[in-house]
Amino acid sequence: MSIYDVNVSRLDGTPMELSALADRAVLVVNVASQCGLTPQYTGLEAVHERYVDRGFTVLGVPCNQFLAQEPGTAEEIATFCSTTYGVTFPLLEKIEVNGEGRHLLYSELVETADAEGHTGDIRWNFEKFLVAPGGTVVARFGPTTEPDAPEVIEAIEAVLPA
């Protein structure tokens, strides 16, 4: 199975075909609006804007599993992200990334190890997965790793299609 085989919906509830991103590098990030790491939205948007024309997309995935730090409705999340951080990258519907209700998208992602060898459960908001064009998950970065950290930028640039 590939992440492109997983059914997802955009934040507004409309279906999104992940296969439309098959030729792009994608940074999948579980996000939250009321977390100490929420300012990472600024870096995520900056990285998205920097590379979007070169075949890269950030994909934000709201999740409320970590101390209920994403309690808002879809409309509240969309408004917060656009007005507070100017987010233009796609946001998916709020999902679960851990436990029995783990979304299939994350069932595929969590098998990838980070630099310390961690696989499995997402540890906190803003954990990042880099998916190369074609669907191979090539890197995993911990929640406190900034979106513009050298190791993230290096990994993104290594898999850009254009």
C-alpha atoms as a PDB file:
ATOM      1  CA  MET A   1       0.000   0.000   0.000  1.00  0.00           C
ATOM      2  CA  SER A   2       1.105   3.564  -0.714  1.00  0.00           C
ATOM      3  CA  ILE A   3      -0.005   6.826   0.860  1.00  0.00           C
ATOM      4  CA  TYR A   4      -1.603   7.529  -2.532  1.00  0.00           C
ATOM      5  CA  ASP A   5      -4.031   4.652  -1.938  1.00  0.00           C
ATOM      6  CA  VAL A   6      -5.378   6.236   1.260  1.00  0.00           C
ATOM      7  CA  ASN A   7      -8.651   8.161   1.211  1.00  0.00           C
ATOM      8  CA  VAL A   8      -8.404  11.592   2.817  1.00  0.00           C
ATOM      9  CA  SER A   9     -10.527  14.697   2.984  1.00  0.00           C
ATOM     10  CA  ARG A  10      -9.560  18.340   2.992  1.00  0.00           C
ATOM     11  CA  LEU A  11     -10.319  20.440   6.046  1.00  0.00           C
ATOM     12  CA  ASP A  12     -13.584  21.554   4.401  1.00  0.00           C
ATOM     13  CA  GLY A  13     -14.690  17.908   4.091  1.00  0.00           C
ATOM     14  CA  THR A  14     -14.224  17.541   0.347  1.00  0.00           C
ATOM     15  CA  PRO A  15     -12.274  14.504  -0.855  1.00  0.00           C
ATOM     16  CA  MET A  16      -8.609  14.983  -1.699  1.00  0.00           C
ATOM     17  CA  GLU A  17      -6.793  12.596  -3.997  1.00  0.00           C
ATOM     18  CA  LEU A  18      -3.295  12.166  -2.573  1.00  0.00           C
ATOM     19  CA  SER A  19      -2.357  10.671  -5.926  1.00  0.00           C
ATOM     20  CA  ALA A  20      -2.499  14.252  -7.258  1.00  0.00           C
ATOM     21  CA  LEU A  21       0.701  14.798  -5.225  1.00  0.00           C
ATOM     22  CA  ALA A  22       2.472  11.705  -6.608  1.00  0.00           C
ATOM     23  CA  ASP A  23       4.939  13.766  -8.645  1.00  0.00           C
ATOM     24  CA  ARG A  24       5.745  16.127  -5.763  1.00  0.00           C
ATOM     25  CA  ALA A  25       7.851  15.998  -2.628  1.00  0.00           C
ATOM     26  CA  VAL A  26       5.483  16.315   0.339  1.00  0.00           C
ATOM     27  CA  LEU A  27       6.145  17.191   3.977  1.00  0.00           C
ATOM     28  CA  VAL A  28       3.289  15.719   6.030  1.00  0.00           C
ATOM     29  CA  VAL A  29       2.946  17.378   9.449  1.00  0.00           C
ATOM     30  CA  ASN A  30       0.433  16.782  12.241  1.00  0.00           C
ATOM     31  CA  VAL A  31      -0.481  20.295  13.375  1.00  0.00           C
ATOM     32  CA  ALA A  32      -2.282  21.973  16.284  1.00  0.00           C
ATOM     33  CA  SER A  33      -3.384  25.543  16.953  1.00  0.00           C
ATOM     34  CA  GLN A  34      -2.856  25.686  20.716  1.00  0.00           C
ATOM     35  CA  CYS A  35       0.563  24.106  21.142  1.00  0.00           C
ATOM     36  CA  GLY A  36       3.871  25.590  22.177  1.00  0.00           C
ATOM     37  CA  LEU A  37       5.125  24.467  18.760  1.00  0.00           C
ATOM     38  CA  THR A  38       2.312  26.205  16.851  1.00  0.00           C
ATOM     39  CA  PRO A  39       4.662  29.002  15.695  1.00  0.00           C
ATOM     40  CA  GLN A  40       6.193  26.357  13.411  1.00  0.00           C
ATOM     41  CA  TYR A  41       3.342  27.260  11.043  1.00  0.00           C
ATOM     42  CA  THR A  42       5.497  30.264  10.070  1.00  0.00           C
ATOM     43  CA  GLY A  43       8.389  28.024   9.051  1.00  0.00           C
ATOM     44  CA  LEU A  44       6.130  25.505   7.345  1.00  0.00           C
ATOM     45  CA  GLU A  45       4.563  28.234   5.222  1.00  0.00           C
ATOM     46  CA  ALA A  46       7.985  29.723   4.404  1.00  0.00           C
ATOM     47  CA  VAL A  47       9.355  26.333   3.284  1.00  0.00           C
ATOM     48  CA  HIS A  48       6.180  25.655   1.298  1.00  0.00           C
ATOM     49  CA  GLU A  49       6.454  29.017  -0.490  1.00  0.00           C
ATOM     50  CA  ARG A  50      10.196  28.571  -1.075  1.00  0.00           C
ATOM     51  CA  TYR A  51       9.806  25.234  -2.883  1.00  0.00           C
ATOM     52  CA  VAL A  52       6.215  25.056  -4.153  1.00  0.00           C
ATOM     53  CA  ASP A  53       7.275  26.020  -7.686  1.00  0.00           C
ATOM     54  CA  ARG A  54       9.905  23.266  -7.633  1.00  0.00           C
ATOM     55  CA  GLY A  55       7.448  20.444  -6.946  1.00  0.00           C
ATOM     56  CA  PHE A  56       7.046  20.572  -3.172  1.00  0.00           C
ATOM     57  CA  THR A  57       3.999  20.763  -0.909  1.00  0.00           C
ATOM     58  CA  VAL A  58       3.496  20.937   2.842  1.00  0.00           C
ATOM     59  CA  LEU A  59       0.429  18.959   3.916  1.00  0.00           C
ATOM     60  CA  GLY A  60      -0.969  19.939   7.311  1.00  0.00           C
ATOM     61  CA  VAL A  61      -2.921  17.345   9.276  1.00  0.00           C
ATOM     62  CA  PRO A  62      -4.768  18.745  12.313  1.00  0.00           C
ATOM     63  CA  CYS A  63      -4.856  16.402  15.281  1.00  0.00           C
ATOM     64  CA  ASN A  64      -6.388  16.842  18.745  1.00  0.00           C
ATOM     65  CA  GLN A  65      -4.739  13.840  20.444  1.00  0.00           C
ATOM     66  CA  PHE A  66      -2.035  15.717  22.350  1.00  0.00           C
ATOM     67  CA  LEU A  67      -3.526  17.534  25.373  1.00  0.00           C
ATOM     68  CA  ALA A  68      -6.495  18.584  23.216  1.00  0.00           C
ATOM     69  CA  GLN A  69      -4.395  21.287  21.557  1.00  0.00           C
ATOM     70  CA  GLU A  70      -6.492  21.305  18.360  1.00  0.00           C
ATOM     71  CA  PRO A  71     -10.054  21.567  19.708  1.00  0.00           C
ATOM     72  CA  GLY A  72     -11.466  23.815  16.973  1.00  0.00           C
ATOM     73  CA  THR A  73     -13.930  23.092  14.235  1.00  0.00           C
ATOM     74  CA  ALA A  74     -12.729  22.864  10.652  1.00  0.00           C
ATOM     75  CA  GLU A  75     -13.794  26.463  10.080  1.00  0.00           C
ATOM     76  CA  GLU A  76     -12.002  27.677  13.231  1.00  0.00           C
ATOM     77  CA  ILE A  77      -8.815  25.843  12.235  1.00  0.00           C
ATOM     78  CA  ALA A  78      -8.917  27.254   8.694  1.00  0.00           C
ATOM     79  CA  THR A  79      -9.499  30.789   9.956  1.00  0.00           C
ATOM     80  CA  PHE A  80      -6.746  30.535  12.569  1.00  0.00           C
ATOM     81  CA  CYS A  81      -4.207  29.172  10.086  1.00  0.00           C
ATOM     82  CA  SER A  82      -4.932  31.707   7.371  1.00  0.00           C
ATOM     83  CA  THR A  83      -5.292  34.827   9.523  1.00  0.00           C
ATOM     84  CA  THR A  84      -2.586  34.119  12.116  1.00  0.00           C
ATOM     85  CA  TYR A  85       0.054  32.442   9.949  1.00  0.00           C
ATOM     86  CA  GLY A  86      -0.984  33.093   6.337  1.00  0.00           C
ATOM     87  CA  VAL A  87      -1.102  29.363   5.612  1.00  0.00           C
ATOM     88  CA  THR A  88      -1.617  28.570   1.930  1.00  0.00           C
ATOM     89  CA  PHE A  89      -0.613  24.884   1.964  1.00  0.00           C
ATOM     90  CA  PRO A  90      -3.373  22.254   2.026  1.00  0.00           C
ATOM     91  CA  LEU A  91      -4.892  21.193   5.334  1.00  0.00           C
ATOM     92  CA  LEU A  92      -6.624  17.868   5.776  1.00  0.00           C
ATOM     93  CA  GLU A  93      -9.535  17.070   8.052  1.00  0.00           C
ATOM     94  CA  LYS A  94      -8.755  16.562  11.732  1.00  0.00           C
ATOM     95  CA  ILE A  95      -7.694  12.943  12.283  1.00  0.00           C
ATOM     96  CA  GLU A  96      -6.131  10.636  14.850  1.00  0.00           C
ATOM     97  CA  VAL A  97      -2.462   9.789  14.344  1.00  0.00           C
ATOM     98  CA  ASN A  98      -2.093   7.244  17.174  1.00  0.00           C
ATOM     99  CA  GLY A  99      -4.128   4.476  18.785  1.00  0.00           C
ATOM    100  CA  GLU A 100      -7.001   2.350  17.557  1.00  0.00           C
ATOM    101  CA  GLY A 101      -8.421   5.238  15.547  1.00  0.00           C
ATOM    102  CA  ARG A 102      -5.132   5.957  13.737  1.00  0.00           C
ATOM    103  CA  HIS A 103      -5.874   7.133  10.216  1.00  0.00           C
ATOM    104  CA  LEU A 104      -4.501   4.896   7.453  1.00  0.00           C
ATOM    105  CA  LEU A 105      -2.288   7.750   6.252  1.00  0.00           C
ATOM    106  CA  TYR A 106      -0.387   7.613   9.527  1.00  0.00           C
ATOM    107  CA  SER A 107      -0.370   3.812   9.575  1.00  0.00           C
ATOM    108  CA  GLU A 108       1.800   4.126   6.465  1.00  0.00           C
ATOM    109  CA  LEU A 109       3.978   6.955   7.776  1.00  0.00           C
ATOM    110  CA  VAL A 110       4.872   5.746  11.285  1.00  0.00           C
ATOM    111  CA  GLU A 111       6.911   2.806  10.044  1.00  0.00           C
ATOM    112  CA  THR A 112       9.653   5.243   9.002  1.00  0.00           C
ATOM    113  CA  ALA A 113      12.411   5.866  11.534  1.00  0.00           C
ATOM    114  CA  ASP A 114      13.751   9.285  12.470  1.00  0.00           C
ATOM    115  CA  ALA A 115      17.474  10.038  12.884  1.00  0.00           C
ATOM    116  CA  GLU A 116      17.412   8.512  16.397  1.00  0.00           C
ATOM    117  CA  GLY A 117      15.765   5.323  15.135  1.00  0.00           C
ATOM    118  CA  HIS A 118      12.277   6.048  16.525  1.00  0.00           C
ATOM    119  CA  THR A 119       9.420   4.376  14.671  1.00  0.00           C
ATOM    120  CA  GLY A 120       5.823   3.905  15.664  1.00  0.00           C
ATOM    121  CA  ASP A 121       3.617   6.341  17.537  1.00  0.00           C
ATOM    122  CA  ILE A 122       3.725  10.043  16.877  1.00  0.00           C
ATOM    123  CA  ARG A 123       5.275  11.675  19.934  1.00  0.00           C
ATOM    124  CA  TRP A 124       3.724  15.154  19.731  1.00  0.00           C
ATOM    125  CA  ASN A 125       2.293  17.807  17.451  1.00  0.00           C
ATOM    126  CA  PHE A 126       4.433  18.911  14.490  1.00  0.00           C
ATOM    127  CA  GLU A 127       6.169  15.601  13.797  1.00  0.00           C
ATOM    128  CA  LYS A 128       7.213  15.711  10.138  1.00  0.00           C
ATOM    129  CA  PHE A 129       7.455  13.076   7.386  1.00  0.00           C
ATOM    130  CA  LEU A 130       9.070  13.741   4.023  1.00  0.00           C
ATOM    131  CA  VAL A 131       7.609  11.781   1.137  1.00  0.00           C
ATOM    132  CA  ALA A 132       9.576  11.705  -2.122  1.00  0.00           C
ATOM    133  CA  PRO A 133       7.864  11.907  -5.504  1.00  0.00           C
ATOM    134  CA  GLY A 134       6.477   8.434  -6.131  1.00  0.00           C
ATOM    135  CA  GLY A 135       5.455   7.879  -2.519  1.00  0.00           C
ATOM    136  CA  THR A 136       8.528   6.639  -0.663  1.00  0.00           C
ATOM    137  CA  VAL A 137       8.732   8.037   2.866  1.00  0.00           C
ATOM    138  CA  VAL A 138      12.360   9.135   3.027  1.00  0.00           C
ATOM    139  CA  ALA A 139      12.673  10.991   6.325  1.00  0.00           C
ATOM    140  CA  ARG A 140      11.037  11.582   9.682  1.00  0.00           C
ATOM    141  CA  PHE A 141      11.749  14.584  11.888  1.00  0.00           C
ATOM    142  CA  GLY A 142      10.789  15.047  15.537  1.00  0.00           C
ATOM    143  CA  PRO A 143       8.313  17.662  16.694  1.00  0.00           C
ATOM    144  CA  THR A 144      10.907  20.164  17.907  1.00  0.00           C
ATOM    145  CA  THR A 145      12.852  20.081  14.646  1.00  0.00           C
ATOM    146  CA  GLU A 146      12.077  23.380  12.946  1.00  0.00           C
ATOM    147  CA  PRO A 147      10.739  23.184   9.368  1.00  0.00           C
ATOM    148  CA  ASP A 148      13.707  25.222   8.120  1.00  0.00           C
ATOM    149  CA  ALA A 149      16.359  23.260  10.051  1.00  0.00           C
ATOM    150  CA  PRO A 150      19.355  22.401   7.864  1.00  0.00           C
ATOM    151  CA  GLU A 151      18.606  18.682   7.960  1.00  0.00           C
ATOM    152  CA  VAL A 152      15.019  19.249   6.801  1.00  0.00           C
ATOM    153  CA  ILE A 153      16.040  21.620   3.998  1.00  0.00           C
ATOM    154  CA  GLU A 154      18.784  19.231   2.874  1.00  0.00           C
ATOM    155  CA  ALA A 155      16.339  16.318   2.774  1.00  0.00           C
ATOM    156  CA  ILE A 156      13.742  18.357   0.842  1.00  0.00           C
ATOM    157  CA  GLU A 157      16.285  19.564  -1.699  1.00  0.00           C
ATOM    158  CA  ALA A 158      17.537  16.004  -2.216  1.00  0.00           C
ATOM    159  CA  VAL A 159      14.101  14.822  -3.408  1.00  0.00           C
ATOM    160  CA  LEU A 160      12.752  17.839  -5.299  1.00  0.00           C
ATOM    161  CA  PRO A 161      11.564  16.735  -8.727  1.00  0.00           C
ATOM    162  CA  ALA A 162      12.291  20.016 -10.505  1.00  0.00           C
END
